[in-house]
Amino acid sequence: MATILASVQQLVYVIVLCENIERMKAFYRKLSTFPVESESETTLSLRAGSLLLALRKRTRDYDGRDGGAQFTGVQLAFRVSRDDVEIGR
């Protein structure tokens, strides 16, 4: 039986959801030397080799906005081959 992650080629994107984005931006800037890929009032994206590490303020309903610690604080994106994605089947 094949596992659901068997076709994953690479982890490409990590989003850390934040309640206090300014505090998290300051923490990650002090912690790392990764170059800034982009920044806005509610986000900071850092390039860590082939991985994009993004901080994002919880602003969307599916982020658990105003939900606190019981909601997941990290989102991951994996690269898979086009043939492994089922679209409209």
N, C-alpha and C. Protein backbone atom coordinates (compact mmCIF):
# COMPACT_ATOMS: atom_id res chain seq x y z
N MET A 1 0.84 -1.19 0.00
CA MET A 1 0.00 0.00 0.00
C MET A 1 0.89 1.25 0.00
N ALA A 2 0.68 2.11 -0.96
CA ALA A 2 1.46 3.35 -1.06
C ALA A 2 0.98 4.36 -0.03
N THR A 3 1.92 5.09 0.54
CA THR A 3 1.53 6.12 1.49
C THR A 3 1.18 7.39 0.75
N ILE A 4 0.38 8.22 1.38
CA ILE A 4 -0.09 9.45 0.74
C ILE A 4 1.07 10.41 0.43
N LEU A 5 2.15 10.35 1.19
CA LEU A 5 3.28 11.25 0.97
C LEU A 5 4.37 10.64 0.10
N ALA A 6 4.12 9.49 -0.49
CA ALA A 6 5.14 8.81 -1.28
C ALA A 6 5.59 9.64 -2.49
N SER A 7 4.71 10.48 -3.02
CA SER A 7 5.07 11.26 -4.21
C SER A 7 5.69 12.63 -3.88
N VAL A 8 5.85 12.93 -2.60
CA VAL A 8 6.45 14.22 -2.22
C VAL A 8 7.90 14.26 -2.67
N GLN A 9 8.24 15.31 -3.40
CA GLN A 9 9.60 15.49 -3.89
C GLN A 9 10.40 16.42 -3.00
N GLN A 10 9.72 17.40 -2.38
CA GLN A 10 10.45 18.41 -1.62
C GLN A 10 9.47 19.22 -0.78
N LEU A 11 9.90 19.62 0.41
CA LEU A 11 9.18 20.59 1.21
C LEU A 11 9.61 21.96 0.70
N VAL A 12 8.68 22.79 0.24
CA VAL A 12 9.06 24.04 -0.40
C VAL A 12 8.62 25.30 0.35
N TYR A 13 7.64 25.16 1.24
CA TYR A 13 7.05 26.35 1.82
C TYR A 13 6.53 26.03 3.21
N VAL A 14 6.92 26.82 4.20
CA VAL A 14 6.42 26.67 5.55
C VAL A 14 5.87 28.02 5.99
N ILE A 15 4.64 28.02 6.49
CA ILE A 15 4.02 29.23 7.01
C ILE A 15 3.84 29.07 8.51
N VAL A 16 4.36 30.01 9.28
CA VAL A 16 4.15 30.05 10.72
C VAL A 16 3.11 31.13 10.98
N LEU A 17 1.95 30.71 11.49
CA LEU A 17 0.87 31.66 11.78
C LEU A 17 1.13 32.34 13.11
N CYS A 18 0.92 33.66 13.17
CA CYS A 18 1.31 34.45 14.33
C CYS A 18 0.15 35.30 14.83
N GLU A 19 0.10 35.44 16.12
CA GLU A 19 -0.84 36.39 16.73
C GLU A 19 -0.22 37.78 16.72
N ASN A 20 1.06 37.88 17.11
CA ASN A 20 1.76 39.16 17.19
C ASN A 20 2.86 39.16 16.12
N ILE A 21 2.54 39.64 14.93
CA ILE A 21 3.47 39.55 13.80
C ILE A 21 4.72 40.39 14.01
N GLU A 22 4.61 41.54 14.62
CA GLU A 22 5.79 42.39 14.82
C GLU A 22 6.79 41.72 15.76
N ARG A 23 6.30 41.10 16.78
CA ARG A 23 7.19 40.39 17.72
C ARG A 23 7.88 39.21 17.02
N MET A 24 7.13 38.47 16.20
CA MET A 24 7.71 37.34 15.48
C MET A 24 8.72 37.79 14.43
N LYS A 25 8.43 38.90 13.73
CA LYS A 25 9.39 39.43 12.76
C LYS A 25 10.71 39.76 13.46
N ALA A 26 10.63 40.43 14.60
CA ALA A 26 11.84 40.81 15.33
C ALA A 26 12.59 39.56 15.79
N PHE A 27 11.88 38.56 16.28
CA PHE A 27 12.50 37.32 16.74
C PHE A 27 13.25 36.62 15.62
N TYR A 28 12.60 36.44 14.46
CA TYR A 28 13.23 35.72 13.35
C TYR A 28 14.36 36.51 12.72
N ARG A 29 14.26 37.83 12.70
CA ARG A 29 15.37 38.65 12.18
C ARG A 29 16.60 38.51 13.08
N LYS A 30 16.38 38.47 14.38
CA LYS A 30 17.48 38.32 15.33
C LYS A 30 18.05 36.90 15.28
N LEU A 31 17.18 35.91 15.09
CA LEU A 31 17.56 34.50 15.12
C LEU A 31 18.31 34.07 13.88
N SER A 32 17.94 34.58 12.71
CA SER A 32 18.50 34.05 11.46
C SER A 32 19.15 35.12 10.60
N THR A 33 19.92 34.65 9.64
CA THR A 33 20.52 35.55 8.65
C THR A 33 19.91 35.30 7.27
N PHE A 34 18.76 34.60 7.23
CA PHE A 34 18.12 34.33 5.95
C PHE A 34 17.69 35.64 5.28
N PRO A 35 17.91 35.76 3.98
CA PRO A 35 17.50 36.99 3.29
C PRO A 35 15.98 37.11 3.20
N VAL A 36 15.52 38.35 3.28
CA VAL A 36 14.08 38.63 3.18
C VAL A 36 13.66 38.50 1.72
N GLU A 37 12.68 37.66 1.49
CA GLU A 37 12.11 37.47 0.15
C GLU A 37 11.03 38.52 -0.12
N SER A 38 10.18 38.74 0.88
CA SER A 38 9.14 39.77 0.78
C SER A 38 8.64 40.10 2.18
N GLU A 39 8.01 41.26 2.28
CA GLU A 39 7.46 41.69 3.57
C GLU A 39 6.28 42.61 3.34
N SER A 40 5.29 42.47 4.21
CA SER A 40 4.15 43.38 4.22
C SER A 40 3.80 43.65 5.68
N GLU A 41 2.74 44.35 5.90
CA GLU A 41 2.30 44.65 7.25
C GLU A 41 1.95 43.37 8.03
N THR A 42 1.48 42.35 7.33
CA THR A 42 1.02 41.12 7.99
C THR A 42 1.87 39.90 7.69
N THR A 43 2.98 40.05 6.93
CA THR A 43 3.80 38.89 6.57
C THR A 43 5.29 39.23 6.54
N LEU A 44 6.09 38.19 6.64
CA LEU A 44 7.52 38.28 6.39
C LEU A 44 7.92 36.93 5.81
N SER A 45 8.54 36.93 4.64
CA SER A 45 9.00 35.69 4.00
C SER A 45 10.51 35.72 3.91
N LEU A 46 11.13 34.65 4.38
CA LEU A 46 12.58 34.52 4.39
C LEU A 46 12.98 33.35 3.50
N ARG A 47 14.05 33.52 2.74
CA ARG A 47 14.56 32.46 1.86
C ARG A 47 15.60 31.66 2.63
N ALA A 48 15.31 30.39 2.84
CA ALA A 48 16.23 29.49 3.54
C ALA A 48 16.63 28.39 2.57
N GLY A 49 17.56 28.68 1.69
CA GLY A 49 17.93 27.75 0.63
C GLY A 49 16.77 27.58 -0.34
N SER A 50 16.33 26.34 -0.56
CA SER A 50 15.21 26.11 -1.47
C SER A 50 13.86 26.24 -0.77
N LEU A 51 13.88 26.48 0.53
CA LEU A 51 12.66 26.59 1.32
C LEU A 51 12.30 28.05 1.55
N LEU A 52 11.02 28.35 1.45
CA LEU A 52 10.52 29.68 1.80
C LEU A 52 9.85 29.56 3.16
N LEU A 53 10.38 30.30 4.15
CA LEU A 53 9.83 30.34 5.49
C LEU A 53 9.06 31.64 5.63
N ALA A 54 7.76 31.50 5.86
CA ALA A 54 6.91 32.69 5.91
C ALA A 54 6.25 32.82 7.27
N LEU A 55 6.25 34.03 7.79
CA LEU A 55 5.48 34.37 8.99
C LEU A 55 4.24 35.11 8.50
N ARG A 56 3.09 34.74 9.02
CA ARG A 56 1.86 35.43 8.59
C ARG A 56 0.95 35.62 9.78
N LYS A 57 0.48 36.84 9.93
CA LYS A 57 -0.48 37.15 10.98
C LYS A 57 -1.78 36.41 10.68
N ARG A 58 -2.41 35.89 11.72
CA ARG A 58 -3.70 35.21 11.56
C ARG A 58 -4.75 36.25 11.18
N THR A 59 -5.12 36.27 9.92
CA THR A 59 -6.11 37.25 9.45
C THR A 59 -7.29 36.59 8.74
N ARG A 60 -7.16 35.32 8.42
CA ARG A 60 -8.19 34.63 7.65
C ARG A 60 -8.96 33.68 8.56
N ASP A 61 -10.21 33.44 8.24
CA ASP A 61 -11.03 32.55 9.06
C ASP A 61 -10.38 31.18 9.21
N TYR A 62 -9.81 30.63 8.12
CA TYR A 62 -9.22 29.30 8.19
C TYR A 62 -7.86 29.28 8.90
N ASP A 63 -7.33 30.45 9.29
CA ASP A 63 -6.11 30.53 10.08
C ASP A 63 -6.40 30.34 11.57
N GLY A 64 -7.67 30.28 11.95
CA GLY A 64 -8.02 30.24 13.36
C GLY A 64 -7.93 31.63 13.97
N ARG A 65 -8.23 32.63 13.16
CA ARG A 65 -8.16 34.02 13.63
C ARG A 65 -8.91 34.17 14.95
N ASP A 66 -8.27 34.78 15.90
CA ASP A 66 -8.82 35.01 17.24
C ASP A 66 -9.13 33.70 17.96
N GLY A 67 -8.57 32.60 17.46
CA GLY A 67 -8.87 31.31 18.06
C GLY A 67 -7.87 30.88 19.12
N GLY A 68 -6.69 31.45 19.08
CA GLY A 68 -5.69 31.12 20.07
C GLY A 68 -4.96 29.83 19.80
N ALA A 69 -4.40 29.28 20.86
CA ALA A 69 -3.46 28.17 20.75
C ALA A 69 -4.07 26.85 20.29
N GLN A 70 -5.39 26.69 20.35
CA GLN A 70 -5.97 25.42 19.94
C GLN A 70 -5.95 25.21 18.43
N PHE A 71 -5.61 26.23 17.67
CA PHE A 71 -5.53 26.11 16.21
C PHE A 71 -4.09 25.88 15.78
N THR A 72 -3.93 25.11 14.72
CA THR A 72 -2.61 24.81 14.18
C THR A 72 -1.86 26.10 13.87
N GLY A 73 -0.57 26.14 14.18
CA GLY A 73 0.21 27.34 13.95
C GLY A 73 1.17 27.24 12.78
N VAL A 74 1.17 26.10 12.07
CA VAL A 74 2.09 25.91 10.95
C VAL A 74 1.33 25.30 9.78
N GLN A 75 1.62 25.79 8.58
CA GLN A 75 1.10 25.20 7.36
C GLN A 75 2.29 24.82 6.49
N LEU A 76 2.21 23.67 5.82
CA LEU A 76 3.31 23.17 4.99
C LEU A 76 2.84 23.01 3.55
N ALA A 77 3.76 23.22 2.61
CA ALA A 77 3.48 22.97 1.19
C ALA A 77 4.57 22.06 0.66
N PHE A 78 4.16 20.99 -0.02
CA PHE A 78 5.08 20.01 -0.58
C PHE A 78 5.03 20.06 -2.10
N ARG A 79 6.15 19.80 -2.74
CA ARG A 79 6.20 19.71 -4.19
C ARG A 79 5.98 18.25 -4.57
N VAL A 80 5.05 18.04 -5.50
CA VAL A 80 4.79 16.72 -6.07
C VAL A 80 4.78 16.86 -7.58
N SER A 81 4.91 15.76 -8.28
CA SER A 81 4.88 15.83 -9.74
C SER A 81 3.44 16.09 -10.21
N ARG A 82 3.30 16.70 -11.34
CA ARG A 82 2.00 17.02 -11.91
C ARG A 82 1.15 15.76 -12.10
N ASP A 83 1.79 14.66 -12.44
CA ASP A 83 1.08 13.42 -12.68
C ASP A 83 0.46 12.83 -11.41
N ASP A 84 0.95 13.25 -10.26
CA ASP A 84 0.44 12.73 -9.00
C ASP A 84 -0.73 13.54 -8.45
N VAL A 85 -1.14 14.59 -9.15
CA VAL A 85 -2.24 15.44 -8.71
C VAL A 85 -3.49 15.10 -9.50
N GLU A 86 -4.57 14.81 -8.78
CA GLU A 86 -5.84 14.53 -9.43
C GLU A 86 -6.66 15.80 -9.46
N ILE A 87 -6.95 16.31 -10.64
CA ILE A 87 -7.74 17.52 -10.80
C ILE A 87 -9.02 17.15 -11.53
N GLY A 88 -10.14 17.35 -10.86
CA GLY A 88 -11.43 17.13 -11.48
C GLY A 88 -11.71 15.71 -11.92
N ARG A 89 -11.12 14.74 -11.27
CA ARG A 89 -11.39 13.35 -11.64
C ARG A 89 -12.40 12.74 -10.73
